[in-house]
Amino acid sequence: MENTDSIWGFIGIIVFACGIYAIYAYIKMKMTGEINATLLLGKDYTYKKCKNKEAYIQKAGPALLVFGIVALVYGILDVIHCYVYTMTVVDTVGMVVFFIVLVWFAVYTSKIKREYF
């Protein structure tokens, strides 16, 4: 059982790191005006082909920030759940919220990507 918990805890650490990276990407995008291709565009798109970069950043930025915050919070909850104090219900609710936000983020950013590229 401990081996399974450590695997889930490792996933929590990865989600936490993704949350930090998403928040960093949001801040950098707001400061420099460069679109983060890794999180928002994918390998088939380049930010140089954006029809209206400022409008895209205005629409994608808040979604990236929400995803980053939710990932960060869920990562913290999962690490606490796996390594510090077991709180199954809170961890499960956090996981469900994280997956809902993850799917929403993917669908929303795909939609605006089609609109601006």
PDB file of N, CA and C in Angstrom:
ATOM      1  N   MET A   1       0.820  -1.206   0.000  1.00  0.00           N
ATOM      2  CA  MET A   1       0.000   0.000   0.000  1.00  0.00           C
ATOM      3  C   MET A   1       0.857   1.261   0.000  1.00  0.00           C
ATOM      4  N   GLU A   2       1.965   1.235   0.730  1.00  0.00           N
ATOM      5  CA  GLU A   2       2.819   2.408   0.780  1.00  0.00           C
ATOM      6  C   GLU A   2       3.392   2.740  -0.589  1.00  0.00           C
ATOM      7  N   ASN A   3       3.698   1.730  -1.397  1.00  0.00           N
ATOM      8  CA  ASN A   3       4.241   1.959  -2.724  1.00  0.00           C
ATOM      9  C   ASN A   3       3.234   2.706  -3.601  1.00  0.00           C
ATOM     10  N   THR A   4       1.961   2.334  -3.505  1.00  0.00           N
ATOM     11  CA  THR A   4       0.919   3.021  -4.258  1.00  0.00           C
ATOM     12  C   THR A   4       0.794   4.466  -3.805  1.00  0.00           C
ATOM     13  N   ASP A   5       0.835   4.711  -2.504  1.00  0.00           N
ATOM     14  CA  ASP A   5       0.753   6.081  -1.998  1.00  0.00           C
ATOM     15  C   ASP A   5       1.914   6.929  -2.489  1.00  0.00           C
ATOM     16  N   SER A   6       3.110   6.357  -2.541  1.00  0.00           N
ATOM     17  CA  SER A   6       4.251   7.138  -2.992  1.00  0.00           C
ATOM     18  C   SER A   6       4.136   7.474  -4.478  1.00  0.00           C
ATOM     19  N   ILE A   7       3.537   6.577  -5.266  1.00  0.00           N
ATOM     20  CA  ILE A   7       3.319   6.875  -6.686  1.00  0.00           C
ATOM     21  C   ILE A   7       2.334   8.032  -6.815  1.00  0.00           C
ATOM     22  N   TRP A   8       1.245   7.992  -6.063  1.00  0.00           N
ATOM     23  CA  TRP A   8       0.272   9.075  -6.132  1.00  0.00           C
ATOM     24  C   TRP A   8       0.871  10.377  -5.605  1.00  0.00           C
ATOM     25  N   GLY A   9       1.706  10.281  -4.599  1.00  0.00           N
ATOM     26  CA  GLY A   9       2.382  11.467  -4.088  1.00  0.00           C
ATOM     27  C   GLY A   9       3.303  12.080  -5.131  1.00  0.00           C
ATOM     28  N   PHE A  10       3.960  11.236  -5.908  1.00  0.00           N
ATOM     29  CA  PHE A  10       4.827  11.714  -6.978  1.00  0.00           C
ATOM     30  C   PHE A  10       4.004  12.440  -8.033  1.00  0.00           C
ATOM     31  N   ILE A  11       2.828  11.932  -8.326  1.00  0.00           N
ATOM     32  CA  ILE A  11       1.938  12.613  -9.276  1.00  0.00           C
ATOM     33  C   ILE A  11       1.537  13.981  -8.723  1.00  0.00           C
ATOM     34  N   GLY A  12       1.293  14.054  -7.434  1.00  0.00           N
ATOM     35  CA  GLY A  12       0.993  15.338  -6.802  1.00  0.00           C
ATOM     36  C   GLY A  12       2.136  16.326  -6.948  1.00  0.00           C
ATOM     37  N   ILE A  13       3.368  15.841  -6.830  1.00  0.00           N
ATOM     38  CA  ILE A  13       4.540  16.700  -7.001  1.00  0.00           C
ATOM     39  C   ILE A  13       4.614  17.207  -8.440  1.00  0.00           C
ATOM     40  N   ILE A  14       4.325  16.334  -9.396  1.00  0.00           N
ATOM     41  CA  ILE A  14       4.335  16.734 -10.809  1.00  0.00           C
ATOM     42  C   ILE A  14       3.247  17.783 -11.077  1.00  0.00           C
ATOM     43  N   VAL A  15       2.053  17.569 -10.546  1.00  0.00           N
ATOM     44  CA  VAL A  15       0.957  18.535 -10.729  1.00  0.00           C
ATOM     45  C   VAL A  15       1.323  19.871 -10.088  1.00  0.00           C
ATOM     46  N   PHE A  16       1.936  19.822  -8.914  1.00  0.00           N
ATOM     47  CA  PHE A  16       2.396  21.034  -8.238  1.00  0.00           C
ATOM     48  C   PHE A  16       3.388  21.795  -9.109  1.00  0.00           C
ATOM     49  N   ALA A  17       4.350  21.072  -9.684  1.00  0.00           N
ATOM     50  CA  ALA A  17       5.347  21.693 -10.562  1.00  0.00           C
ATOM     51  C   ALA A  17       4.680  22.286 -11.808  1.00  0.00           C
ATOM     52  N   CYS A  18       3.695  21.601 -12.349  1.00  0.00           N
ATOM     53  CA  CYS A  18       2.957  22.137 -13.505  1.00  0.00           C
ATOM     54  C   CYS A  18       2.224  23.420 -13.138  1.00  0.00           C
ATOM     55  N   GLY A  19       1.676  23.465 -11.941  1.00  0.00           N
ATOM     56  CA  GLY A  19       1.005  24.676 -11.477  1.00  0.00           C
ATOM     57  C   GLY A  19       1.964  25.843 -11.363  1.00  0.00           C
ATOM     58  N   ILE A  20       3.143  25.586 -10.813  1.00  0.00           N
ATOM     59  CA  ILE A  20       4.157  26.642 -10.709  1.00  0.00           C
ATOM     60  C   ILE A  20       4.562  27.112 -12.105  1.00  0.00           C
ATOM     61  N   TYR A  21       4.777  26.169 -13.022  1.00  0.00           N
ATOM     62  CA  TYR A  21       5.173  26.529 -14.383  1.00  0.00           C
ATOM     63  C   TYR A  21       4.076  27.330 -15.086  1.00  0.00           C
ATOM     64  N   ALA A  22       2.818  26.951 -14.893  1.00  0.00           N
ATOM     65  CA  ALA A  22       1.714  27.675 -15.527  1.00  0.00           C
ATOM     66  C   ALA A  22       1.620  29.101 -14.998  1.00  0.00           C
ATOM     67  N   ILE A  23       1.791  29.282 -13.711  1.00  0.00           N
ATOM     68  CA  ILE A  23       1.750  30.631 -13.127  1.00  0.00           C
ATOM     69  C   ILE A  23       2.945  31.443 -13.625  1.00  0.00           C
ATOM     70  N   TYR A  24       4.114  30.815 -13.687  1.00  0.00           N
ATOM     71  CA  TYR A  24       5.298  31.481 -14.230  1.00  0.00           C
ATOM     72  C   TYR A  24       5.067  31.890 -15.685  1.00  0.00           C
ATOM     73  N   ALA A  25       4.489  30.983 -16.477  1.00  0.00           N
ATOM     74  CA  ALA A  25       4.221  31.272 -17.889  1.00  0.00           C
ATOM     75  C   ALA A  25       3.226  32.424 -18.023  1.00  0.00           C
ATOM     76  N   TYR A  26       2.242  32.469 -17.150  1.00  0.00           N
ATOM     77  CA  TYR A  26       1.266  33.564 -17.167  1.00  0.00           C
ATOM     78  C   TYR A  26       1.949  34.898 -16.888  1.00  0.00           C
ATOM     79  N   ILE A  27       2.768  34.926 -15.837  1.00  0.00           N
ATOM     80  CA  ILE A  27       3.455  36.168 -15.462  1.00  0.00           C
ATOM     81  C   ILE A  27       4.392  36.605 -16.585  1.00  0.00           C
ATOM     82  N   LYS A  28       5.154  35.670 -17.135  1.00  0.00           N
ATOM     83  CA  LYS A  28       6.085  35.999 -18.214  1.00  0.00           C
ATOM     84  C   LYS A  28       5.329  36.491 -19.455  1.00  0.00           C
ATOM     85  N   MET A  29       4.199  35.849 -19.751  1.00  0.00           N
ATOM     86  CA  MET A  29       3.402  36.255 -20.909  1.00  0.00           C
ATOM     87  C   MET A  29       2.871  37.678 -20.718  1.00  0.00           C
ATOM     88  N   LYS A  30       2.431  38.006 -19.519  1.00  0.00           N
ATOM     89  CA  LYS A  30       1.916  39.345 -19.244  1.00  0.00           C
ATOM     90  C   LYS A  30       3.020  40.392 -19.297  1.00  0.00           C
ATOM     91  N   MET A  31       4.215  40.024 -18.842  1.00  0.00           N
ATOM     92  CA  MET A  31       5.316  40.991 -18.792  1.00  0.00           C
ATOM     93  C   MET A  31       5.978  41.193 -20.154  1.00  0.00           C
ATOM     94  N   THR A  32       6.181  40.111 -20.896  1.00  0.00           N
ATOM     95  CA  THR A  32       6.934  40.206 -22.150  1.00  0.00           C
ATOM     96  C   THR A  32       6.048  40.238 -23.386  1.00  0.00           C
ATOM     97  N   GLY A  33       4.830  39.745 -23.284  1.00  0.00           N
ATOM     98  CA  GLY A  33       3.947  39.684 -24.444  1.00  0.00           C
ATOM     99  C   GLY A  33       4.195  38.479 -25.331  1.00  0.00           C
ATOM    100  N   GLU A  34       5.046  37.553 -24.887  1.00  0.00           N
ATOM    101  CA  GLU A  34       5.307  36.339 -25.651  1.00  0.00           C
ATOM    102  C   GLU A  34       4.369  35.228 -25.192  1.00  0.00           C
ATOM    103  N   ILE A  35       3.778  34.538 -26.142  1.00  0.00           N
ATOM    104  CA  ILE A  35       2.857  33.444 -25.857  1.00  0.00           C
ATOM    105  C   ILE A  35       3.663  32.195 -25.532  1.00  0.00           C
ATOM    106  N   ASN A  36       3.307  31.507 -24.454  1.00  0.00           N
ATOM    107  CA  ASN A  36       3.992  30.280 -24.078  1.00  0.00           C
ATOM    108  C   ASN A  36       3.527  29.157 -24.993  1.00  0.00           C
ATOM    109  N   ALA A  37       4.386  28.758 -25.909  1.00  0.00           N
ATOM    110  CA  ALA A  37       4.025  27.739 -26.895  1.00  0.00           C
ATOM    111  C   ALA A  37       3.831  26.374 -26.258  1.00  0.00           C
ATOM    112  N   THR A  38       4.564  26.074 -25.211  1.00  0.00           N
ATOM    113  CA  THR A  38       4.484  24.761 -24.578  1.00  0.00           C
ATOM    114  C   THR A  38       3.098  24.501 -23.998  1.00  0.00           C
ATOM    115  N   LEU A  39       2.563  25.445 -23.263  1.00  0.00           N
ATOM    116  CA  LEU A  39       1.271  25.245 -22.598  1.00  0.00           C
ATOM    117  C   LEU A  39       0.074  25.635 -23.457  1.00  0.00           C
ATOM    118  N   LEU A  40       0.242  26.598 -24.320  1.00  0.00           N
ATOM    119  CA  LEU A  40      -0.915  27.142 -25.016  1.00  0.00           C
ATOM    120  C   LEU A  40      -1.029  26.763 -26.485  1.00  0.00           C
ATOM    121  N   LEU A  41       0.062  26.468 -27.141  1.00  0.00           N
ATOM    122  CA  LEU A  41      -0.020  26.290 -28.587  1.00  0.00           C
ATOM    123  C   LEU A  41       0.232  24.865 -29.050  1.00  0.00           C
ATOM    124  N   GLY A  42       1.229  24.222 -28.557  1.00  0.00           N
ATOM    125  CA  GLY A  42       1.573  22.900 -29.051  1.00  0.00           C
ATOM    126  C   GLY A  42       2.599  22.990 -30.165  1.00  0.00           C
ATOM    127  N   LYS A  43       3.040  21.840 -30.638  1.00  0.00           N
ATOM    128  CA  LYS A  43       4.158  21.817 -31.586  1.00  0.00           C
ATOM    129  C   LYS A  43       3.787  22.256 -32.996  1.00  0.00           C
ATOM    130  N   ASP A  44       2.522  22.236 -33.350  1.00  0.00           N
ATOM    131  CA  ASP A  44       2.113  22.580 -34.716  1.00  0.00           C
ATOM    132  C   ASP A  44       1.886  24.070 -34.934  1.00  0.00           C
ATOM    133  N   TYR A  45       1.996  24.871 -33.875  1.00  0.00           N
ATOM    134  CA  TYR A  45       1.727  26.305 -33.979  1.00  0.00           C
ATOM    135  C   TYR A  45       2.947  27.103 -33.540  1.00  0.00           C
ATOM    136  N   THR A  46       3.092  28.274 -34.107  1.00  0.00           N
ATOM    137  CA  THR A  46       4.130  29.204 -33.678  1.00  0.00           C
ATOM    138  C   THR A  46       3.471  30.535 -33.344  1.00  0.00           C
ATOM    139  N   TYR A  47       3.930  31.149 -32.270  1.00  0.00           N
ATOM    140  CA  TYR A  47       3.283  32.388 -31.819  1.00  0.00           C
ATOM    141  C   TYR A  47       3.432  33.518 -32.835  1.00  0.00           C
ATOM    142  N   LYS A  48       4.366  33.406 -33.745  1.00  0.00           N
ATOM    143  CA  LYS A  48       4.571  34.447 -34.757  1.00  0.00           C
ATOM    144  C   LYS A  48       3.434  34.503 -35.771  1.00  0.00           C
ATOM    145  N   LYS A  49       2.661  33.438 -35.870  1.00  0.00           N
ATOM    146  CA  LYS A  49       1.554  33.401 -36.840  1.00  0.00           C
ATOM    147  C   LYS A  49       0.216  33.829 -36.238  1.00  0.00           C
ATOM    148  N   CYS A  50       0.242  34.339 -35.036  1.00  0.00           N
ATOM    149  CA  CYS A  50      -0.984  34.759 -34.359  1.00  0.00           C
ATOM    150  C   CYS A  50      -1.561  35.993 -35.054  1.00  0.00           C
ATOM    151  N   LYS A  51      -2.874  35.973 -35.309  1.00  0.00           N
ATOM    152  CA  LYS A  51      -3.549  37.079 -36.000  1.00  0.00           C
ATOM    153  C   LYS A  51      -3.614  38.337 -35.133  1.00  0.00           C
ATOM    154  N   ASN A  52      -3.857  38.157 -33.833  1.00  0.00           N
ATOM    155  CA  ASN A  52      -3.945  39.283 -32.907  1.00  0.00           C
ATOM    156  C   ASN A  52      -3.392  38.822 -31.562  1.00  0.00           C
ATOM    157  N   LYS A  53      -2.096  39.027 -31.375  1.00  0.00           N
ATOM    158  CA  LYS A  53      -1.411  38.497 -30.195  1.00  0.00           C
ATOM    159  C   LYS A  53      -1.963  39.078 -28.888  1.00  0.00           C
ATOM    160  N   GLU A  54      -2.241  40.371 -28.865  1.00  0.00           N
ATOM    161  CA  GLU A  54      -2.729  41.002 -27.637  1.00  0.00           C
ATOM    162  C   GLU A  54      -4.095  40.440 -27.229  1.00  0.00           C
ATOM    163  N   ALA A  55      -4.980  40.272 -28.193  1.00  0.00           N
ATOM    164  CA  ALA A  55      -6.309  39.721 -27.896  1.00  0.00           C
ATOM    165  C   ALA A  55      -6.194  38.266 -27.444  1.00  0.00           C
ATOM    166  N   TYR A  56      -5.302  37.515 -28.067  1.00  0.00           N
ATOM    167  CA  TYR A  56      -5.109  36.122 -27.667  1.00  0.00           C
ATOM    168  C   TYR A  56      -4.606  36.048 -26.227  1.00  0.00           C
ATOM    169  N   ILE A  57      -3.654  36.894 -25.896  1.00  0.00           N
ATOM    170  CA  ILE A  57      -3.128  36.903 -24.525  1.00  0.00           C
ATOM    171  C   ILE A  57      -4.215  37.310 -23.538  1.00  0.00           C
ATOM    172  N   GLN A  58      -5.059  38.268 -23.924  1.00  0.00           N
ATOM    173  CA  GLN A  58      -6.163  38.687 -23.051  1.00  0.00           C
ATOM    174  C   GLN A  58      -7.128  37.540 -22.761  1.00  0.00           C
ATOM    175  N   LYS A  59      -7.361  36.682 -23.757  1.00  0.00           N
ATOM    176  CA  LYS A  59      -8.289  35.562 -23.569  1.00  0.00           C
ATOM    177  C   LYS A  59      -7.617  34.346 -22.934  1.00  0.00           C
ATOM    178  N   ALA A  60      -6.391  34.052 -23.327  1.00  0.00           N
ATOM    179  CA  ALA A  60      -5.719  32.848 -22.839  1.00  0.00           C
ATOM    180  C   ALA A  60      -5.100  33.051 -21.460  1.00  0.00           C
ATOM    181  N   GLY A  61      -4.712  34.272 -21.142  1.00  0.00           N
ATOM    182  CA  GLY A  61      -4.043  34.547 -19.874  1.00  0.00           C
ATOM    183  C   GLY A  61      -4.830  34.130 -18.644  1.00  0.00           C
ATOM    184  N   PRO A  62      -6.070  34.570 -18.493  1.00  0.00           N
ATOM    185  CA  PRO A  62      -6.834  34.171 -17.312  1.00  0.00           C
ATOM    186  C   PRO A  62      -7.033  32.653 -17.213  1.00  0.00           C
ATOM    187  N   ALA A  63      -7.227  31.998 -18.345  1.00  0.00           N
ATOM    188  CA  ALA A  63      -7.383  30.536 -18.325  1.00  0.00           C
ATOM    189  C   ALA A  63      -6.100  29.874 -17.840  1.00  0.00           C
ATOM    190  N   LEU A  64      -4.971  30.371 -18.283  1.00  0.00           N
ATOM    191  CA  LEU A  64      -3.686  29.836 -17.859  1.00  0.00           C
ATOM    192  C   LEU A  64      -3.473  30.060 -16.372  1.00  0.00           C
ATOM    193  N   LEU A  65      -3.855  31.222 -15.878  1.00  0.00           N
ATOM    194  CA  LEU A  65      -3.724  31.520 -14.453  1.00  0.00           C
ATOM    195  C   LEU A  65      -4.629  30.624 -13.610  1.00  0.00           C
ATOM    196  N   VAL A  66      -5.875  30.446 -14.035  1.00  0.00           N
ATOM    197  CA  VAL A  66      -6.800  29.575 -13.296  1.00  0.00           C
ATOM    198  C   VAL A  66      -6.269  28.145 -13.266  1.00  0.00           C
ATOM    199  N   PHE A  67      -5.823  27.650 -14.420  1.00  0.00           N
ATOM    200  CA  PHE A  67      -5.246  26.305 -14.463  1.00  0.00           C
ATOM    201  C   PHE A  67      -4.049  26.187 -13.529  1.00  0.00           C
ATOM    202  N   GLY A  68      -3.173  27.190 -13.554  1.00  0.00           N
ATOM    203  CA  GLY A  68      -1.989  27.161 -12.695  1.00  0.00           C
ATOM    204  C   GLY A  68      -2.331  27.142 -11.219  1.00  0.00           C
ATOM    205  N   ILE A  69      -3.278  27.967 -10.812  1.00  0.00           N
ATOM    206  CA  ILE A  69      -3.674  28.024  -9.399  1.00  0.00           C
ATOM    207  C   ILE A  69      -4.313  26.718  -8.964  1.00  0.00           C
ATOM    208  N   VAL A  70      -5.214  26.179  -9.784  1.00  0.00           N
ATOM    209  CA  VAL A  70      -5.880  24.924  -9.433  1.00  0.00           C
ATOM    210  C   VAL A  70      -4.865  23.780  -9.368  1.00  0.00           C
ATOM    211  N   ALA A  71      -3.942  23.725 -10.315  1.00  0.00           N
ATOM    212  CA  ALA A  71      -2.918  22.682 -10.297  1.00  0.00           C
ATOM    213  C   ALA A  71      -2.031  22.817  -9.069  1.00  0.00           C
ATOM    214  N   LEU A  72      -1.658  24.026  -8.734  1.00  0.00           N
ATOM    215  CA  LEU A  72      -0.830  24.271  -7.562  1.00  0.00           C
ATOM    216  C   LEU A  72      -1.531  23.820  -6.278  1.00  0.00           C
ATOM    217  N   VAL A  73      -2.777  24.207  -6.126  1.00  0.00           N
ATOM    218  CA  VAL A  73      -3.541  23.841  -4.930  1.00  0.00           C
ATOM    219  C   VAL A  73      -3.747  22.329  -4.856  1.00  0.00           C
ATOM    220  N   TYR A  74      -4.125  21.715  -5.969  1.00  0.00           N
ATOM    221  CA  TYR A  74      -4.311  20.261  -5.947  1.00  0.00           C
ATOM    222  C   TYR A  74      -3.001  19.539  -5.683  1.00  0.00           C
ATOM    223  N   GLY A  75      -1.911  20.010  -6.253  1.00  0.00           N
ATOM    224  CA  GLY A  75      -0.612  19.387  -5.994  1.00  0.00           C
ATOM    225  C   GLY A  75      -0.263  19.424  -4.524  1.00  0.00           C
ATOM    226  N   ILE A  76      -0.496  20.570  -3.887  1.00  0.00           N
ATOM    227  CA  ILE A  76      -0.236  20.693  -2.449  1.00  0.00           C
ATOM    228  C   ILE A  76      -1.132  19.744  -1.662  1.00  0.00           C
ATOM    229  N   LEU A  77      -2.433  19.721  -1.997  1.00  0.00           N
ATOM    230  CA  LEU A  77      -3.367  18.822  -1.300  1.00  0.00           C
ATOM    231  C   LEU A  77      -2.951  17.361  -1.439  1.00  0.00           C
ATOM    232  N   ASP A  78      -2.557  16.978  -2.639  1.00  0.00           N
ATOM    233  CA  ASP A  78      -2.202  15.577  -2.875  1.00  0.00           C
ATOM    234  C   ASP A  78      -0.926  15.193  -2.141  1.00  0.00           C
ATOM    235  N   VAL A  79       0.055  16.070  -2.126  1.00  0.00           N
ATOM    236  CA  VAL A  79       1.292  15.780  -1.400  1.00  0.00           C
ATOM    237  C   VAL A  79       1.008  15.669   0.099  1.00  0.00           C
ATOM    238  N   ILE A  80       0.205  16.580   0.625  1.00  0.00           N
ATOM    239  CA  ILE A  80      -0.168  16.499   2.045  1.00  0.00           C
ATOM    240  C   ILE A  80      -0.916  15.205   2.314  1.00  0.00           C
ATOM    241  N   HIS A  81      -1.856  14.862   1.438  1.00  0.00           N
ATOM    242  CA  HIS A  81      -2.632  13.634   1.605  1.00  0.00           C
ATOM    243  C   HIS A  81      -1.745  12.392   1.595  1.00  0.00           C
ATOM    244  N   CYS A  82      -0.777  12.354   0.707  1.00  0.00           N
ATOM    245  CA  CYS A  82       0.046  11.146   0.558  1.00  0.00           C
ATOM    246  C   CYS A  82       1.170  11.054   1.579  1.00  0.00           C
ATOM    247  N   TYR A  83       1.713  12.169   2.012  1.00  0.00           N
ATOM    248  CA  TYR A  83       2.915  12.118   2.841  1.00  0.00           C
ATOM    249  C   TYR A  83       2.759  12.645   4.262  1.00  0.00           C
ATOM    250  N   VAL A  84       1.728  13.457   4.523  1.00  0.00           N
ATOM    251  CA  VAL A  84       1.632  14.084   5.835  1.00  0.00           C
ATOM    252  C   VAL A  84       0.410  13.601   6.612  1.00  0.00           C
ATOM    253  N   TYR A  85      -0.766  13.852   6.063  1.00  0.00           N
ATOM    254  CA  TYR A  85      -2.011  13.551   6.773  1.00  0.00           C
ATOM    255  C   TYR A  85      -3.039  13.065   5.764  1.00  0.00           C
ATOM    256  N   THR A  86      -3.575  11.890   5.987  1.00  0.00           N
ATOM    257  CA  THR A  86      -4.548  11.318   5.066  1.00  0.00           C
ATOM    258  C   THR A  86      -5.873  12.070   5.170  1.00  0.00           C
ATOM    259  N   MET A  87      -6.317  12.564   4.044  1.00  0.00           N
ATOM    260  CA  MET A  87      -7.611  13.265   3.954  1.00  0.00           C
ATOM    261  C   MET A  87      -8.245  12.882   2.620  1.00  0.00           C
ATOM    262  N   THR A  88      -8.810  11.711   2.588  1.00  0.00           N
ATOM    263  CA  THR A  88      -9.281  11.090   1.357  1.00  0.00           C
ATOM    264  C   THR A  88     -10.347  11.916   0.648  1.00  0.00           C
ATOM    265  N   VAL A  89     -11.325  12.393   1.373  1.00  0.00           N
ATOM    266  CA  VAL A  89     -12.426  13.134   0.747  1.00  0.00           C
ATOM    267  C   VAL A  89     -11.920  14.435   0.129  1.00  0.00           C
ATOM    268  N   VAL A  90     -11.102  15.166   0.856  1.00  0.00           N
ATOM    269  CA  VAL A  90     -10.571  16.437   0.350  1.00  0.00           C
ATOM    270  C   VAL A  90      -9.705  16.193  -0.879  1.00  0.00           C
ATOM    271  N   ASP A  91      -8.874  15.151  -0.832  1.00  0.00           N
ATOM    272  CA  ASP A  91      -8.020  14.825  -1.964  1.00  0.00           C
ATOM    273  C   ASP A  91      -8.842  14.417  -3.181  1.00  0.00           C
ATOM    274  N   THR A  92      -9.881  13.642  -2.977  1.00  0.00           N
ATOM    275  CA  THR A  92     -10.732  13.208  -4.081  1.00  0.00           C
ATOM    276  C   THR A  92     -11.466  14.391  -4.706  1.00  0.00           C
ATOM    277  N   VAL A  93     -12.005  15.267  -3.883  1.00  0.00           N
ATOM    278  CA  VAL A  93     -12.683  16.462  -4.402  1.00  0.00           C
ATOM    279  C   VAL A  93     -11.685  17.329  -5.166  1.00  0.00           C
ATOM    280  N   GLY A  94     -10.489  17.497  -4.616  1.00  0.00           N
ATOM    281  CA  GLY A  94      -9.455  18.266  -5.299  1.00  0.00           C
ATOM    282  C   GLY A  94      -9.097  17.664  -6.645  1.00  0.00           C
ATOM    283  N   MET A  95      -9.005  16.340  -6.700  1.00  0.00           N
ATOM    284  CA  MET A  95      -8.671  15.665  -7.950  1.00  0.00           C
ATOM    285  C   MET A  95      -9.773  15.869  -8.988  1.00  0.00           C
ATOM    286  N   VAL A  96     -11.018  15.759  -8.580  1.00  0.00           N
ATOM    287  CA  VAL A  96     -12.138  15.950  -9.502  1.00  0.00           C
ATOM    288  C   VAL A  96     -12.140  17.389 -10.029  1.00  0.00           C
ATOM    289  N   VAL A  97     -11.953  18.356  -9.145  1.00  0.00           N
ATOM    290  CA  VAL A  97     -11.911  19.759  -9.568  1.00  0.00           C
ATOM    291  C   VAL A  97     -10.741  19.986 -10.521  1.00  0.00           C
ATOM    292  N   PHE A  98      -9.570  19.417 -10.204  1.00  0.00           N
ATOM    293  CA  PHE A  98      -8.407  19.563 -11.070  1.00  0.00           C
ATOM    294  C   PHE A  98      -8.682  19.001 -12.461  1.00  0.00           C
ATOM    295  N   PHE A  99      -9.265  17.808 -12.544  1.00  0.00           N
ATOM    296  CA  PHE A  99      -9.540  17.220 -13.857  1.00  0.00           C
ATOM    297  C   PHE A  99     -10.588  18.005 -14.637  1.00  0.00           C
ATOM    298  N   ILE A 100     -11.579  18.542 -13.955  1.00  0.00           N
ATOM    299  CA  ILE A 100     -12.579  19.381 -14.628  1.00  0.00           C
ATOM    300  C   ILE A 100     -11.907  20.625 -15.207  1.00  0.00           C
ATOM    301  N   VAL A 101     -11.063  21.271 -14.409  1.00  0.00           N
ATOM    302  CA  VAL A 101     -10.360  22.471 -14.882  1.00  0.00           C
ATOM    303  C   VAL A 101      -9.388  22.110 -16.000  1.00  0.00           C
ATOM    304  N   LEU A 102      -8.732  20.966 -15.907  1.00  0.00           N
ATOM    305  CA  LEU A 102      -7.802  20.524 -16.950  1.00  0.00           C
ATOM    306  C   LEU A 102      -8.523  20.338 -18.293  1.00  0.00           C
ATOM    307  N   VAL A 103      -9.675  19.687 -18.257  1.00  0.00           N
ATOM    308  CA  VAL A 103     -10.453  19.485 -19.487  1.00  0.00           C
ATOM    309  C   VAL A 103     -10.962  20.822 -20.016  1.00  0.00           C
ATOM    310  N   TRP A 104     -11.478  21.662 -19.131  1.00  0.00           N
ATOM    311  CA  TRP A 104     -11.943  22.987 -19.545  1.00  0.00           C
ATOM    312  C   TRP A 104     -10.809  23.783 -20.183  1.00  0.00           C
ATOM    313  N   PHE A 105      -9.630  23.767 -19.560  1.00  0.00           N
ATOM    314  CA  PHE A 105      -8.470  24.488 -20.081  1.00  0.00           C
ATOM    315  C   PHE A 105      -8.101  24.001 -21.481  1.00  0.00           C
ATOM    316  N   ALA A 106      -8.090  22.686 -21.670  1.00  0.00           N
ATOM    317  CA  ALA A 106      -7.743  22.120 -22.980  1.00  0.00           C
ATOM    318  C   ALA A 106      -8.765  22.518 -24.047  1.00  0.00           C
ATOM    319  N   VAL A 107     -10.039  22.417 -23.713  1.00  0.00           N
ATOM    320  CA  VAL A 107     -11.093  22.755 -24.675  1.00  0.00           C
ATOM    321  C   VAL A 107     -11.080  24.257 -24.980  1.00  0.00           C
ATOM    322  N   TYR A 108     -10.989  25.068 -23.958  1.00  0.00           N
ATOM    323  CA  TYR A 108     -11.026  26.520 -24.132  1.00  0.00           C
ATOM    324  C   TYR A 108      -9.838  27.027 -24.928  1.00  0.00           C
ATOM    325  N   THR A 109      -8.630  26.576 -24.585  1.00  0.00           N
ATOM    326  CA  THR A 109      -7.455  27.050 -25.308  1.00  0.00           C
ATOM    327  C   THR A 109      -7.428  26.529 -26.743  1.00  0.00           C
ATOM    328  N   SER A 110      -7.970  25.343 -26.980  1.00  0.00           N
ATOM    329  CA  SER A 110      -8.070  24.844 -28.362  1.00  0.00           C
ATOM    330  C   SER A 110      -9.022  25.721 -29.178  1.00  0.00           C
ATOM    331  N   LYS A 111     -10.104  26.131 -28.547  1.00  0.00           N
ATOM    332  CA  LYS A 111     -11.089  26.979 -29.236  1.00  0.00           C
ATOM    333  C   LYS A 111     -10.484  28.330 -29.598  1.00  0.00           C
ATOM    334  N   ILE A 112      -9.812  28.969 -28.674  1.00  0.00           N
ATOM    335  CA  ILE A 112      -9.252  30.290 -28.992  1.00  0.00           C
ATOM    336  C   ILE A 112      -8.034  30.172 -29.897  1.00  0.00           C
ATOM    337  N   LYS A 113      -7.369  29.036 -29.851  1.00  0.00           N
ATOM    338  CA  LYS A 113      -6.242  28.819 -30.772  1.00  0.00           C
ATOM    339  C   LYS A 113      -6.753  28.772 -32.210  1.00  0.00           C
ATOM    340  N   ARG A 114      -7.870  28.075 -32.421  1.00  0.00           N
ATOM    341  CA  ARG A 114      -8.465  28.029 -33.762  1.00  0.00           C
ATOM    342  C   ARG A 114      -8.920  29.414 -34.215  1.00  0.00           C
ATOM    343  N   GLU A 115      -9.348  30.231 -33.277  1.00  0.00           N
ATOM    344  CA  GLU A 115      -9.839  31.572 -33.597  1.00  0.00           C
ATOM    345  C   GLU A 115      -8.709  32.526 -33.992  1.00  0.00           C
ATOM    346  N   TYR A 116      -7.552  32.408 -33.358  1.00  0.00           N
ATOM    347  CA  TYR A 116      -6.475  33.371 -33.578  1.00  0.00           C
ATOM    348  C   TYR A 116      -5.303  32.859 -34.420  1.00  0.00           C
ATOM    349  N   PHE A 117      -5.328  31.602 -34.810  1.00  0.00           N
ATOM    350  CA  PHE A 117      -4.231  31.075 -35.620  1.00  0.00           C
ATOM    351  C   PHE A 117      -4.752  30.477 -36.921  1.00  0.00           C
TER     352      PHE A 117
END
